[in-house]
Amino acid sequence: MSTPVIGYRELTEKEIALMNLIKEQGNEVGRLVEGLAMNGAVDTRWVAVARTHLQQGFMALTRAVAQPTSF
């Protein structure tokens, strides 16, 4: 038996599938961002801004599914 995470409810199978889809897509976008960061032809400052905003977006999507009860 696993210990529940404080502030999180148990997810349904459908919600778990959605979370996994979000994580897969996030990893794919993350690889794109890392590839661009290594490209000498782009402004890495904007890549860093994009990385942060995309991370926030994917985090927001996971919270939309998980619907945590804590801050």
Protein backbone atom coordinates (compact mmCIF):
# COMPACT_ATOMS: atom_id res chain seq x y z
CA MET A 1 0.00 0.00 0.00
CA SER A 2 1.40 3.37 -0.96
CA THR A 3 1.33 6.45 1.20
CA PRO A 4 -0.85 9.21 -0.27
CA VAL A 5 0.74 12.51 -1.19
CA ILE A 6 -0.56 15.34 1.00
CA GLY A 7 -2.91 17.62 -0.92
CA TYR A 8 -3.51 15.14 -3.77
CA ARG A 9 -6.43 12.85 -4.31
CA GLU A 10 -6.36 9.40 -5.88
CA LEU A 11 -6.59 9.69 -9.67
CA THR A 12 -8.86 7.65 -11.92
CA GLU A 13 -7.43 5.54 -14.73
CA LYS A 14 -8.62 8.17 -17.23
CA GLU A 15 -6.86 10.94 -15.26
CA ILE A 16 -3.68 8.88 -15.03
CA ALA A 17 -3.77 8.40 -18.81
CA LEU A 18 -4.19 12.17 -19.27
CA MET A 19 -1.28 12.87 -16.90
CA ASN A 20 0.92 10.44 -18.82
CA LEU A 21 -0.05 12.05 -22.13
CA ILE A 22 0.82 15.49 -20.74
CA LYS A 23 4.17 14.18 -19.47
CA GLU A 24 4.96 12.54 -22.84
CA GLN A 25 4.15 15.71 -24.73
CA GLY A 26 6.15 17.77 -22.24
CA ASN A 27 9.18 15.53 -22.77
CA GLU A 28 8.84 15.91 -26.54
CA VAL A 29 8.62 19.70 -26.29
CA GLY A 30 11.54 19.63 -23.83
CA ARG A 31 13.70 17.84 -26.40
CA LEU A 32 12.79 20.51 -28.98
CA VAL A 33 13.74 23.29 -26.56
CA GLU A 34 17.05 21.62 -25.69
CA GLY A 35 17.84 21.16 -29.37
CA LEU A 36 17.16 24.83 -30.03
CA ALA A 37 19.28 25.84 -27.05
CA MET A 38 22.23 24.03 -28.63
CA ASN A 39 21.66 25.71 -32.00
CA GLY A 40 24.08 28.60 -32.44
CA ALA A 41 21.67 30.42 -34.76
CA VAL A 42 19.02 31.26 -32.15
CA ASP A 43 18.82 33.79 -29.33
CA THR A 44 19.26 31.62 -26.25
CA ARG A 45 17.69 34.28 -24.03
CA TRP A 46 14.37 33.71 -25.78
CA VAL A 47 14.85 29.96 -25.63
CA ALA A 48 15.23 30.31 -21.85
CA VAL A 49 12.05 32.40 -21.65
CA ALA A 50 10.21 29.83 -23.77
CA ARG A 51 11.51 26.98 -21.58
CA THR A 52 10.18 28.63 -18.43
CA HIS A 53 6.78 29.45 -19.91
CA LEU A 54 6.38 26.01 -21.45
CA GLN A 55 7.28 24.37 -18.13
CA GLN A 56 4.64 26.54 -16.45
CA GLY A 57 2.10 25.55 -19.09
CA PHE A 58 2.70 21.84 -18.70
CA MET A 59 2.64 22.17 -14.92
CA ALA A 60 -0.70 23.98 -15.21
CA LEU A 61 -2.05 21.17 -17.37
CA THR A 62 -1.05 18.53 -14.81
CA ARG A 63 -2.64 20.57 -12.01
CA ALA A 64 -5.79 20.92 -14.12
CA VAL A 65 -6.06 17.13 -14.19
CA ALA A 66 -4.82 16.39 -10.66
CA GLN A 67 -6.84 19.20 -9.07
CA PRO A 68 -4.69 19.38 -5.91
CA THR A 69 -6.32 20.66 -2.75
CA SER A 70 -3.22 22.39 -1.41
CA PHE A 71 -1.21 25.41 -2.48
